[in-house]
Protein backbone atom coordinates (compact mmCIF):
# COMPACT_ATOMS: atom_id res chain seq x y z
CA MET A 1 -12.26 14.52 -0.58
CA ASN A 2 -15.47 15.51 -0.21
CA TYR A 3 -17.03 18.54 2.08
CA ILE A 4 -20.56 16.94 4.39
CA ASN A 5 -22.36 19.29 6.49
CA ALA A 6 -21.85 17.97 9.71
CA ASP A 7 -25.76 19.35 10.59
CA ALA A 8 -26.69 16.59 7.77
CA ILE A 9 -25.30 13.34 8.96
CA LEU A 10 -24.41 14.02 12.64
CA PRO A 11 -26.48 13.27 15.65
CA GLU A 12 -27.87 16.91 17.10
CA GLU A 13 -25.77 15.75 20.34
CA LEU A 14 -22.64 15.25 18.76
CA LEU A 15 -22.70 18.30 16.68
CA ARG A 16 -23.13 20.16 19.98
CA GLU A 17 -19.92 18.52 21.47
CA ILE A 18 -17.97 19.10 18.78
CA GLN A 19 -19.00 22.60 18.22
CA ARG A 20 -17.97 23.09 22.18
CA HIS A 21 -14.38 22.02 20.91
CA ILE A 22 -14.21 23.45 17.46
CA PRO A 23 -16.93 26.31 16.69
CA GLY A 24 -17.31 26.80 13.33
CA GLY A 25 -14.00 24.78 12.30
CA LEU A 26 -13.15 22.40 9.90
CA VAL A 27 -12.55 18.46 11.16
CA TYR A 28 -11.08 15.95 8.97
CA ILE A 29 -12.58 12.55 10.23
CA PRO A 30 -9.71 9.64 8.53
CA LYS A 31 -11.00 6.34 8.12
CA PRO A 32 -10.61 3.70 10.47
CA LYS A 33 -7.19 1.70 10.29
CA GLU A 34 -8.30 -1.65 9.19
CA ALA A 35 -9.62 0.39 5.75
CA HIS A 36 -6.61 1.47 5.14
CA LYS A 37 -4.41 -1.65 2.88
CA LYS A 38 -0.81 -0.86 1.38
CA TRP A 39 0.28 -0.86 -1.68
CA GLY A 40 -0.53 -3.24 -4.12
CA GLU A 41 -3.45 -5.22 -2.09
CA LYS A 42 -6.50 -4.06 -4.04
CA SER A 43 -5.56 -4.21 -6.90
CA GLY A 44 -2.82 -7.53 -7.10
CA SER A 45 -0.42 -6.03 -7.69
CA ARG A 46 1.74 -6.80 -4.86
CA ALA A 47 1.04 -10.17 -5.19
CA VAL A 48 2.18 -10.59 -8.85
CA VAL A 49 5.51 -8.79 -8.08
CA LYS A 50 5.48 -11.28 -5.27
CA GLU A 51 5.31 -14.07 -7.12
CA ARG A 52 7.39 -12.65 -9.59
CA ASN A 53 10.68 -12.33 -7.17
CA GLU A 54 9.57 -16.03 -5.40
CA ARG A 55 10.06 -17.13 -9.24
CA ILE A 56 13.46 -15.02 -9.64
CA ARG A 57 14.85 -16.43 -6.03
CA ARG A 58 14.27 -20.25 -7.33
CA LEU A 59 15.90 -20.07 -11.10
CA PHE A 60 18.67 -18.06 -9.05
CA ALA A 61 19.48 -20.88 -6.66
CA ALA A 62 18.73 -23.32 -9.81
CA GLY A 63 21.77 -21.91 -10.85
CA VAL A 64 20.43 -18.76 -13.52
CA THR A 65 22.82 -16.06 -13.67
CA VAL A 66 21.67 -12.70 -12.63
CA HIS A 67 22.63 -11.55 -15.60
CA GLU A 68 20.27 -13.88 -17.60
CA LEU A 69 17.87 -12.89 -14.94
CA THR A 70 17.95 -9.59 -16.20
CA GLU A 71 17.12 -10.14 -19.26
CA ARG A 72 14.52 -12.70 -18.76
CA PHE A 73 12.40 -10.51 -16.02
CA PHE A 74 13.65 -6.64 -18.01
CA LEU A 75 15.17 -5.23 -14.46
CA SER A 76 18.43 -4.05 -13.69
CA ILE A 77 21.26 -5.29 -12.31
CA ASP A 78 21.00 -3.99 -8.51
CA SER A 79 16.80 -4.87 -8.73
CA ILE A 80 18.15 -8.58 -9.57
CA LYS A 81 20.58 -8.70 -6.95
CA LYS A 82 18.32 -6.94 -3.92
CA ILE A 83 15.75 -10.21 -4.87
CA VAL A 84 18.24 -12.82 -4.95
CA TYR A 85 20.30 -11.37 -1.56
CA SER A 86 17.50 -10.22 0.35
CA LYS A 87 16.82 -12.85 3.68
CA LYS A 88 12.85 -13.36 2.90
């Protein structure tokens, strides 16, 4: 996070109003809520994991065993069970 002198970017009236509340203090200004993304949305990892999990569920429904799925997808038995028995 970079610090920017408020004097350089804020209008004078706004700066004076902020100084009334926090004279000489530091203020953190968060991003708008719309700017926050969930894990993996930016890189595409979230979509890849979702597709993989859907594929695992389809294979399990088609009769592939949990043990075979662990070997095919390199996941633990517990991970496969969480995927196939979840209500998604």
